[in-house]
Each structure stands twice: as C-alpha cells, then as structure tokens.
Protein backbone atom coordinates (compact mmCIF):
# COMPACT_ATOMS: atom_id res chain seq x y z
CA MET A 1 10.52 -27.00 22.86
CA ILE A 2 9.75 -24.10 20.88
CA THR A 3 6.45 -23.79 19.47
CA PRO A 4 6.61 -23.12 15.76
CA ALA A 5 6.01 -19.56 14.82
CA ILE A 6 3.81 -18.55 11.59
CA GLY A 7 3.92 -15.89 9.27
CA THR A 8 1.36 -13.29 8.72
CA SER A 9 -0.76 -14.98 5.74
CA GLU A 10 -0.82 -17.82 8.30
CA LEU A 11 -2.19 -15.85 11.29
CA TYR A 12 -5.18 -14.77 9.34
CA LYS A 13 -6.10 -18.26 8.74
CA GLN A 14 -5.59 -19.06 12.37
CA LEU A 15 -7.60 -16.14 13.66
CA LYS A 16 -10.78 -17.06 11.55
CA ALA A 17 -11.09 -20.08 12.98
CA LEU A 18 -10.59 -19.01 16.20
CA LEU A 19 -12.72 -16.28 16.31
CA ASP A 20 -15.83 -18.65 14.82
CA ALA A 21 -14.96 -20.89 17.80
CA ASP A 22 -15.41 -18.21 20.01
CA ILE A 23 -11.83 -18.87 21.38
CA PRO A 24 -9.63 -16.24 23.40
CA CYS A 25 -5.67 -16.07 21.95
CA PHE A 26 -2.83 -14.35 22.18
CA ILE A 27 -0.27 -13.52 19.56
CA HIS A 28 3.14 -13.43 20.84
CA GLY A 29 5.88 -11.21 18.56
CA SER A 30 8.44 -9.01 18.30
CA PRO A 31 7.27 -5.28 18.08
CA GLY A 32 6.72 -4.04 14.84
CA ILE A 33 5.63 -7.07 12.81
CA GLY A 34 2.05 -6.67 12.30
CA LYS A 35 0.28 -8.07 15.34
CA SER A 36 -1.99 -4.86 15.60
CA TYR A 37 -2.35 -3.85 11.64
CA ILE A 38 -3.58 -7.43 11.14
CA VAL A 39 -6.33 -8.02 14.25
CA ASN A 40 -7.51 -4.44 12.85
CA ASP A 41 -7.50 -5.36 9.21
CA ILE A 42 -9.57 -8.69 9.88
CA ALA A 43 -12.24 -6.37 11.97
CA LYS A 44 -12.31 -4.35 8.83
CA ARG A 45 -12.58 -7.78 6.63
CA SER A 46 -15.48 -9.43 8.47
CA ASP A 47 -17.32 -5.95 9.42
CA LEU A 48 -16.72 -6.46 13.19
CA GLN A 49 -15.96 -3.64 15.72
CA LEU A 50 -12.87 -3.02 17.06
CA ILE A 51 -11.68 -1.84 20.80
CA ASP A 52 -8.32 -1.23 21.30
CA VAL A 53 -7.03 -1.50 24.29
CA ARG A 54 -3.83 -1.24 25.63
CA LEU A 55 -3.30 -2.37 28.81
CA SER A 56 0.07 -1.56 30.02
CA GLN A 57 -1.52 2.03 30.20
CA LEU A 58 -4.37 0.79 32.67
CA ASP A 59 -4.78 0.11 35.88
CA ALA A 60 -6.80 -2.60 37.64
CA VAL A 61 -10.04 -0.13 38.80
CA ASP A 62 -9.72 0.96 34.99
CA LEU A 63 -11.16 -2.79 34.09
CA ARG A 64 -13.48 -3.18 36.49
CA GLY A 65 -14.93 0.26 37.08
CA ILE A 66 -15.31 2.88 39.54
CA PRO A 67 -17.65 1.52 42.92
CA THR A 68 -21.04 3.62 43.29
CA ILE A 69 -23.58 3.54 45.91
CA LYS A 70 -27.12 2.69 44.55
CA ASN A 71 -29.90 1.53 46.86
CA GLU A 72 -27.41 1.42 49.66
CA GLN A 73 -25.23 -1.16 47.95
CA THR A 74 -22.08 -1.03 46.08
CA LYS A 75 -22.51 -1.06 42.26
CA TRP A 76 -19.06 -1.24 39.99
CA MET A 77 -19.47 1.23 36.53
CA PRO A 78 -17.72 -0.46 33.76
CA PRO A 79 -15.65 1.48 31.75
CA ILE A 80 -16.94 3.68 28.75
CA PHE A 81 -14.49 1.31 26.38
CA LEU A 82 -16.24 -1.87 27.15
CA PRO A 83 -18.90 -2.87 24.90
CA SER A 84 -22.74 -2.27 26.11
CA ASP A 85 -24.90 -2.77 23.09
CA GLU A 86 -26.00 -6.70 23.16
CA ASN A 87 -27.11 -6.87 19.47
CA SER A 88 -23.26 -5.53 18.52
CA LYS A 89 -20.37 -7.49 17.21
CA GLY A 90 -16.63 -6.68 17.29
CA ILE A 91 -13.60 -7.86 18.61
CA LEU A 92 -12.11 -6.17 21.89
CA PHE A 93 -8.73 -6.49 21.54
CA LEU A 94 -6.39 -6.42 24.44
CA ASP A 95 -2.65 -5.36 23.46
CA GLU A 96 0.35 -4.95 25.32
CA LEU A 97 -1.14 -7.78 28.20
CA ASN A 98 2.27 -9.07 28.99
CA SER A 99 3.21 -5.61 29.77
CA ALA A 100 0.44 -4.78 31.68
CA PRO A 101 1.10 -4.63 35.61
CA LEU A 102 0.20 -8.13 37.43
CA SER A 103 -3.02 -6.78 38.90
CA VAL A 104 -4.15 -5.95 36.06
CA GLN A 105 -3.57 -9.15 34.26
CA ALA A 106 -5.10 -10.91 36.95
CA ALA A 107 -8.31 -8.68 36.54
CA ILE A 108 -8.46 -9.80 33.18
CA TYR A 109 -8.84 -13.47 34.02
CA GLN A 110 -12.34 -13.45 34.82
CA LEU A 111 -13.44 -11.64 31.24
CA VAL A 112 -11.19 -13.54 29.49
CA LEU A 113 -12.87 -16.64 30.55
CA ASP A 114 -16.25 -16.06 31.60
CA ARG A 115 -16.41 -13.25 29.68
CA LYS A 116 -17.32 -10.89 32.71
CA ILE A 117 -15.65 -8.62 35.44
CA GLY A 118 -17.32 -7.33 38.37
CA GLU A 119 -20.84 -6.41 36.93
CA TYR A 120 -20.03 -6.24 33.91
CA THR A 121 -20.76 -9.38 31.08
CA LEU A 122 -19.06 -8.73 27.57
CA PRO A 123 -21.85 -9.04 24.83
CA LYS A 124 -22.41 -12.40 22.66
CA GLY A 125 -21.40 -11.15 19.50
CA TRP A 126 -17.66 -9.96 20.71
CA ARG A 127 -14.69 -11.86 20.61
CA ILE A 128 -11.28 -11.60 22.43
CA ILE A 129 -7.87 -11.59 21.03
CA CYS A 130 -4.59 -10.61 22.79
CA ALA A 131 -1.09 -9.77 21.63
CA GLY A 132 1.97 -8.65 23.34
CA ASN A 133 5.82 -8.64 22.63
CA LYS A 134 8.00 -11.55 23.48
CA ILE A 135 10.40 -11.85 26.75
CA ASN A 136 13.16 -11.97 24.42
CA ASP A 137 12.34 -8.73 23.00
CA LYS A 138 13.97 -6.61 25.32
CA GLY A 139 10.76 -4.28 26.31
CA ILE A 140 8.82 -4.37 29.60
CA VAL A 141 7.55 -7.85 29.22
CA PHE A 142 6.55 -10.18 32.37
CA LYS A 143 5.57 -13.60 32.10
CA LEU A 144 2.00 -14.12 32.70
CA PRO A 145 0.97 -16.60 35.40
CA SER A 146 -0.20 -19.79 34.88
CA PRO A 147 -3.91 -19.39 34.99
CA LEU A 148 -4.22 -16.71 32.80
CA ILE A 149 -2.22 -18.71 29.87
CA ASN A 150 -4.84 -21.72 30.16
CA ARG A 151 -6.92 -19.33 29.19
CA MET A 152 -5.84 -18.75 26.18
CA VAL A 153 -4.72 -19.93 22.85
CA HIS A 154 -0.93 -18.80 21.92
CA ILE A 155 0.47 -18.50 18.62
CA VAL A 156 3.81 -17.12 18.08
CA LEU A 157 3.70 -14.84 15.09
CA GLU A 158 7.57 -13.65 13.27
CA ALA A 159 8.24 -11.82 10.05
CA LYS A 160 8.39 -14.13 6.71
CA TYR A 161 9.66 -12.05 3.53
CA ASP A 162 7.06 -13.73 1.16
CA ASP A 163 4.11 -12.48 3.17
CA PHE A 164 5.58 -8.98 3.18
CA LYS A 165 6.33 -8.61 0.02
CA GLY A 166 2.65 -9.34 -1.49
CA TRP A 167 1.20 -6.77 1.52
CA ALA A 168 4.22 -4.47 -0.13
CA ILE A 169 3.54 -4.62 -3.84
CA LYS A 170 -0.68 -4.22 -2.88
CA ASN A 171 0.35 -1.47 -0.55
CA GLU A 172 3.14 0.23 -3.07
CA ILE A 173 5.97 0.05 -0.50
CA HIS A 174 9.41 1.93 -2.47
CA PRO A 175 11.02 -0.47 -4.87
CA PHE A 176 13.80 0.62 -3.39
CA ILE A 177 12.96 -1.34 -0.33
CA ILE A 178 10.94 -4.71 -1.84
CA GLY A 179 13.93 -5.02 -4.38
CA PHE A 180 16.69 -4.96 -1.11
CA LEU A 181 14.66 -7.29 0.88
CA GLY A 182 14.25 -9.58 -1.91
CA PHE A 183 18.13 -9.40 -1.81
CA ARG A 184 18.49 -9.55 2.18
CA PRO A 185 15.08 -11.13 3.63
CA ASP A 186 16.77 -11.33 6.79
CA LEU A 187 17.27 -7.86 7.47
CA LEU A 188 13.24 -7.94 7.09
CA SER A 189 13.43 -7.89 11.10
CA SER A 190 16.21 -8.00 13.03
CA GLU A 191 17.15 -8.67 17.44
CA VAL A 192 16.18 -5.62 19.34
CA PRO A 193 19.81 -3.90 20.10
CA SER A 194 21.13 -4.26 23.61
CA SER A 195 21.13 -1.27 25.78
CA THR A 196 24.40 -0.49 25.39
CA GLU A 197 23.92 0.15 21.79
CA THR A 198 24.38 3.87 20.76
CA ASN A 199 21.87 3.66 17.72
CA PRO A 200 18.54 1.74 19.08
CA ALA A 201 16.92 1.54 15.86
CA PHE A 202 16.46 -1.99 14.40
CA CYS A 203 14.56 -4.10 10.99
CA THR A 204 10.98 -4.52 11.45
CA PRO A 205 7.88 -4.45 8.57
CA ARG A 206 7.04 -1.19 10.41
CA ALA A 207 10.40 0.48 10.49
CA TRP A 208 10.80 -0.21 6.62
CA ASN A 209 7.49 0.60 5.62
CA MET A 210 8.45 4.05 7.63
CA LEU A 211 11.31 4.37 5.56
CA SER A 212 9.29 3.57 2.22
CA ASN A 213 6.85 6.74 3.16
CA ILE A 214 10.17 9.14 4.06
CA ILE A 215 11.65 8.23 -0.01
CA LYS A 216 8.85 8.49 -1.66
CA ARG A 217 9.27 12.21 -0.83
CA ASN A 218 13.13 12.95 -1.34
CA GLU A 219 14.77 10.19 -2.92
CA GLU A 220 18.21 11.87 -2.86
CA ILE A 221 19.48 9.21 -0.52
CA ALA A 222 22.65 10.99 0.05
CA SER A 223 20.73 13.55 2.37
CA LEU A 224 19.04 10.67 3.95
CA HIS A 225 21.54 8.50 5.62
CA PRO A 226 20.94 9.84 9.17
CA ILE A 227 17.41 8.96 8.96
CA ILE A 228 17.98 5.72 7.22
CA TYR A 229 20.22 4.75 9.86
CA GLY A 230 17.86 6.23 12.90
CA THR A 231 15.04 4.17 11.16
CA VAL A 232 16.67 0.88 10.64
CA GLY A 233 19.78 0.25 12.14
CA TYR A 234 23.18 1.39 11.10
CA GLY A 235 24.42 -1.99 9.67
CA ALA A 236 21.31 -2.82 7.76
CA ALA A 237 21.11 1.10 6.63
CA ILE A 238 25.09 0.83 5.26
CA GLU A 239 23.69 -2.34 3.01
CA PHE A 240 20.45 -0.47 1.93
CA ILE A 241 22.63 2.49 0.80
CA SER A 242 24.67 0.21 -1.22
CA PHE A 243 21.97 -1.47 -3.15
CA VAL A 244 20.51 1.80 -3.93
CA LYS A 245 23.53 2.50 -5.75
CA VAL A 246 23.02 -0.54 -7.82
CA TYR A 247 19.15 0.05 -8.46
CA LYS A 248 20.53 3.34 -10.08
CA THR A 249 22.65 1.52 -12.45
CA LEU A 250 19.38 -0.03 -13.84
CA PRO A 251 18.45 -0.63 -17.67
CA ASN A 252 15.69 1.69 -18.92
CA ILE A 253 12.69 -0.01 -17.17
CA ASP A 254 9.96 2.05 -19.69
CA ALA A 255 11.61 0.15 -22.72
CA ILE A 256 11.52 -2.95 -21.38
CA LEU A 257 7.96 -2.69 -20.04
CA GLU A 258 7.67 -1.40 -23.99
CA GLY A 259 9.05 -4.21 -25.33
CA LYS A 260 12.66 -2.53 -26.87
CA SER A 261 14.85 -3.51 -24.61
CA GLU A 262 16.84 -7.10 -23.47
CA MET A 263 19.13 -5.57 -21.49
CA VAL A 264 19.63 -8.10 -18.05
CA PRO A 265 22.09 -7.15 -15.08
CA ASN A 266 24.56 -9.66 -14.16
CA GLU A 267 24.76 -9.36 -10.45
CA PRO A 268 22.04 -11.46 -8.32
CA SER A 269 21.73 -7.51 -6.03
CA ALA A 270 20.96 -6.10 -9.58
CA LEU A 271 18.20 -8.45 -10.56
CA TYR A 272 16.35 -8.06 -7.16
CA ALA A 273 16.20 -4.32 -8.29
CA LEU A 274 15.36 -4.80 -11.49
CA CYS A 275 12.57 -7.26 -10.40
CA ALA A 276 11.42 -4.63 -8.12
CA ALA A 277 11.60 -1.64 -10.24
CA ILE A 278 9.67 -3.54 -13.32
CA ILE A 279 6.81 -4.18 -10.46
CA GLU A 280 6.53 -0.85 -9.22
CA LYS A 281 6.20 1.02 -12.50
CA TYR A 282 4.00 -1.64 -14.53
CA SER A 283 0.26 -0.77 -15.13
CA ASN A 284 -1.41 -2.74 -17.74
CA LYS A 285 -1.83 -5.89 -19.75
CA GLU A 286 0.22 -4.84 -22.89
CA GLN A 287 2.63 -4.76 -20.52
CA ALA A 288 2.35 -7.75 -19.06
CA VAL A 289 2.64 -9.17 -22.90
CA ASN A 290 6.12 -7.30 -23.22
CA LEU A 291 7.21 -8.70 -20.28
CA PHE A 292 6.48 -12.87 -20.90
CA LEU A 293 8.56 -12.01 -23.09
CA TYR A 294 11.35 -10.13 -21.61
CA VAL A 295 11.48 -12.87 -18.85
CA LYS A 296 12.99 -15.27 -21.09
CA HIS A 297 16.43 -13.30 -20.90
CA LEU A 298 16.19 -13.78 -16.98
CA PRO A 299 17.68 -16.37 -14.92
CA VAL A 300 14.66 -19.38 -14.17
CA GLU A 301 14.58 -17.87 -10.14
CA PHE A 302 14.48 -14.37 -11.58
CA ASN A 303 11.82 -15.16 -14.18
CA VAL A 304 9.69 -16.86 -12.37
CA MET A 305 9.70 -14.72 -9.27
CA LEU A 306 8.91 -11.70 -11.59
CA ILE A 307 5.90 -13.24 -12.83
CA LYS A 308 4.72 -14.19 -9.63
CA ASP A 309 5.15 -10.85 -8.39
CA LEU A 310 3.26 -9.39 -11.41
CA ILE A 311 0.26 -11.62 -10.36
CA VAL A 312 0.19 -10.24 -7.00
CA LYS A 313 -0.50 -6.80 -8.66
CA ASP A 314 -2.83 -7.64 -11.38
CA GLU A 315 -4.53 -10.83 -11.31
CA ASP A 316 -5.82 -10.63 -14.38
CA ILE A 317 -2.70 -11.32 -16.32
CA ALA A 318 -3.62 -15.04 -15.70
CA GLU A 319 -6.68 -14.29 -18.64
CA LEU A 320 -3.67 -14.00 -21.00
CA GLU A 321 -2.90 -16.01 -23.79
CA ALA A 322 1.14 -15.63 -23.01
CA PHE A 323 0.73 -16.59 -19.57
CA ASP A 324 -0.48 -20.20 -20.81
CA ALA A 325 2.47 -20.08 -22.21
CA TRP A 326 4.38 -19.39 -19.50
CA MET A 327 2.64 -22.14 -17.23
CA GLU A 328 3.35 -25.27 -19.92
CA GLN A 329 7.00 -23.93 -19.23
CA TYR A 330 7.81 -22.90 -16.17
CA GLY A 331 4.92 -23.76 -13.99
CA GLN A 332 6.91 -26.20 -12.47
CA TYR A 333 9.10 -24.08 -10.56
CA ILE A 334 6.00 -22.38 -9.45
CA ILE A 335 5.38 -23.49 -5.17
C-alpha cells in the first residue's frame, strides 16, 4: 500500500504537531520541492535555532566525536555543530539521511531514539527532523535499516500547484511562471530523467524559482532558450517559451486595473496568463474595486481564481463592499 503524499501547506501543520509532541520524523520527497525550505521557515516562525547537518557528507566519527584521554580514560569529544547550551531551543535537521553511509545511519540510531550519541546528550529544548530523497528519484539513496525506520514518523511530501502558487504570489515569482504553471500544473514537478538523457534538467519548484530569478533580470526570452532548457528540461521549456508568446499578446493590464478595459482573451492559456499578469501588477484597493467589475466578464472558474489569488496578495480586500457583493454571487464556487 502506498502512503498518501501531502503538500507543503499540510506539512507545516503536521510538523508543528510532531514538534509539540517531541517526536522525530522523516520527510520523504523528491529533490527541489521545499523540504529544507519548510524546516528553515518553521524554525524562523517559531523563533527556534536551526542546525542543518548534511549527513551524506559525514563519517560516523564526525557524529560521535574524536576520542581523547582524560584521567587515563577515553573520552569522546562531541562535534562542535551539535548544540551544547542546555537552555537553548531549536531544530536539529538531519538532511540527506538515506544518502548517508550505513555507518552514519547506525550512529544516528541512538541520537534519534534516546537523544544521545556516545557521551553527548541533546538539550531538552531541541527537536529532531530528518529528510531525504525517495528511492525512485535516481539519486544516491540507501534503504534505511528497519530499526531506524521504526524510530521516526514518516511523511511523504509532494509538490502541489495550489501550495506553490500561494507561496509564489507572496514571494513575487515572475508572472510568466505563475501563469504557465496554472495552465500546466503537472509541470511543477517532473520525474528525474534517466542517465541516458542528454539534458539532465527536470522540473521542480526550486528550478522554477531559479528561472524566475533569471527572467526578472532579462525578459528577452529569445536570448534565454539554452538557459530555460537547462533549468526545467527541454519539453517543459518548449511549452513555456510558447506560453510566453501568448502572454505578450494580452490586453493592456494597466487599463484593466484602472477600469478602462473589458477585453477578455478566449484561449485558456491566455486567460491563465492574464490572471497572473493582473496579480503581478495589482497594488491598491482602488484597483481591486475595478477588478470586481472586470471579473464579471471572465468565465466563472477564472473569475473565482483571480479573486482568490488577489486575496493571497492583499487580504484587506475582504473589507470592501465590492467583495461582499462578489461573495454573494460567487461564494458558492470557493472550495
């Protein structure tokens, strides 16, 4: 039986419950979908220290420490990266656990179960979160020993467009990418290519974020084709480049925001592009009032999608009378 996967928004809730209960967990997920980002973000939100340890780069002795002689007895000196302040609070993030050598995995047993390793004891205010790629992601991954598996709660994470879109709007990901992935959400994350592929690039939220940063500095897509191929893979790149051509044929977005245009594209791809462009340029409540009038000209699914995205960018629009009137008519379509 396959364990159901969850998205990033659900992962926040589950990790909070596990941190409160002081139960170690292992996040299984493909490369680039946000495992490390979410753990870092949770630490910041909770005002916790974070120690990020990449276990694939360590040997077992790096964890237990180097032996030294004290009073004619062997004493193990714990590594400096492990927390030592008994009054401190934080998350010990053990990343790439299933890519680590088996000797390192064995050294982790006691730390995960008993919060000890050799003579070292993890302070009471610290919690343990582990993460790693899935076995079928074609990376260097070893099957975890069953004693270690049974010491943690296991959560499978997958990239979901709705989660990514909310994050993308708040973090100003380029509208070309938000619009394209709205049209082709299945390309948010793709399978890792086989070793025989000439282009090893593939789609992940991290790859789309990188591409966004590149395009923000150079929107001349024609000059960026090799970079796009090398960021998200050839197939996705071809579709994305075609989508950008549609994007550039959109009605005047400023005129729409000013309430001076009611033009609406016909093609679904152009409608996704239109919604992304409007959200990117939106800046104030006066424009929101105009948009509540404009969305009446859109197909219902795009009408609702645009207003939901607008709320993500500006929660204060919920205070407008125009929003109340819109909810009376379209509230039934919000899931």
